[in-house]
Structures are given as C-alpha cells and as structure tokens.
Amino acid sequence: MEEFLRFVIGHLVEFPDEISITRTDLSDKVIFHIAARPSDIPRITGRSGHTIQALRSLLSASAKKHGIQAALEIIE
C-alpha cells in the first residue's frame, strides 16, 4: 500500500523525491503519514479536498482487500 501511495502522490506533486511516507501500525489499523513541501500540499489535497478524499477511498479499498483498516494523514 505504501508503494501505491508513493506512486500516485509522486505523480501529483512537483517534487516527488521530497515526499516522506511513514507508516504507523496500530492493533486495528495502519496509519500513513505524508510529509511534503508546503507548496506540494495543495496538490495532494486538491480543490475542496477532493483529491485527498479519493486517495483515502482507494487506500481504504486496498486495505479491506488485505483484511485491515488504513488511514491517511498529511503532516503540515
């Protein structure tokens, strides 16, 4: 799932090499934290948050296939 996020977000931002994705495993879910340049954050969130919502939906669907729950957070 992390590779999927890195691939998709890497194509959205201007500086894909500066994307940092960290994973936190909890007992019932996995949380992915994304850090990027401040100028790339609006590209990840999208207008009215539509892009980040789409990413969260895709991540959730992928996680359900693996029998887990996943969340996506942006570190600003």
Protein backbone atom coordinates (compact mmCIF):
# COMPACT_ATOMS: atom_id res chain seq x y z
CA MET A 1 0.00 0.00 0.00
CA GLU A 2 2.88 2.35 0.73
CA GLU A 3 4.24 1.78 -2.78
CA PHE A 4 0.84 2.63 -4.22
CA LEU A 5 0.70 5.89 -2.25
CA ARG A 6 4.25 6.81 -3.25
CA PHE A 7 3.41 6.16 -6.92
CA VAL A 8 0.18 8.16 -7.00
CA ILE A 9 1.36 11.07 -4.87
CA GLY A 10 4.65 11.18 -6.75
CA HIS A 11 2.72 11.93 -9.93
CA LEU A 12 0.67 14.67 -8.27
CA VAL A 13 3.46 16.77 -6.78
CA GLU A 14 6.19 18.93 -8.26
CA PHE A 15 8.97 17.46 -6.08
CA PRO A 16 8.32 13.70 -5.77
CA ASP A 17 11.76 13.00 -4.30
CA GLU A 18 10.90 15.06 -1.24
CA ILE A 19 7.79 13.07 -0.30
CA SER A 20 8.10 11.26 3.01
CA ILE A 21 5.65 8.50 3.86
CA THR A 22 5.79 6.92 7.31
CA ARG A 23 3.69 4.04 8.49
CA THR A 24 2.30 3.57 11.99
CA ASP A 25 0.92 0.13 12.80
CA LEU A 26 -1.76 0.05 15.47
CA SER A 27 -3.59 -3.01 16.72
CA ASP A 28 -6.61 -2.44 14.50
CA LYS A 29 -5.37 -0.16 11.70
CA VAL A 30 -2.45 1.22 9.74
CA ILE A 31 -1.93 4.98 9.52
CA PHE A 32 0.14 6.51 6.74
CA HIS A 33 1.59 9.98 7.40
CA ILE A 34 2.61 12.02 4.37
CA ALA A 35 5.06 14.91 4.58
CA ALA A 36 5.82 17.09 1.56
CA ARG A 37 6.96 20.58 0.65
CA PRO A 38 4.41 23.21 1.67
CA SER A 39 3.96 24.11 -2.00
CA ASP A 40 3.00 20.49 -2.80
CA ILE A 41 0.39 20.09 -0.05
CA PRO A 42 -2.40 21.79 -2.09
CA ARG A 43 -1.65 19.41 -4.96
CA ILE A 44 -2.19 16.45 -2.64
CA THR A 45 -5.35 17.78 -1.04
CA GLY A 46 -6.92 19.14 -4.23
CA ARG A 47 -9.77 21.56 -4.56
CA SER A 48 -12.16 21.29 -1.65
CA GLY A 49 -10.25 18.18 -0.53
CA HIS A 50 -11.45 16.02 -3.41
CA THR A 51 -8.02 14.57 -4.24
CA ILE A 52 -7.19 13.54 -0.67
CA GLN A 53 -10.66 12.03 -0.29
CA ALA A 54 -10.13 9.98 -3.44
CA LEU A 55 -6.74 8.81 -2.15
CA ARG A 56 -8.29 7.83 1.18
CA SER A 57 -11.05 5.89 -0.60
CA LEU A 58 -8.57 3.99 -2.75
CA LEU A 59 -6.36 3.26 0.26
CA SER A 60 -9.33 2.04 2.27
CA ALA A 61 -10.46 -0.26 -0.53
CA SER A 62 -6.96 -1.70 -0.87
CA ALA A 63 -6.67 -2.20 2.88
CA LYS A 64 -10.01 -4.03 3.03
CA LYS A 65 -8.70 -6.46 0.42
CA HIS A 66 -5.88 -7.26 2.82
CA GLY A 67 -8.26 -7.51 5.78
CA ILE A 68 -7.08 -4.37 7.58
CA GLN A 69 -8.13 -0.75 8.02
CA ALA A 70 -5.98 2.14 6.82
CA ALA A 71 -5.95 5.89 7.29
CA LEU A 72 -4.10 8.68 5.54
CA GLU A 73 -2.92 11.87 7.24
CA ILE A 74 -0.96 14.82 5.94
CA ILE A 75 1.73 16.35 8.12
CA GLU A 76 1.99 20.08 7.54
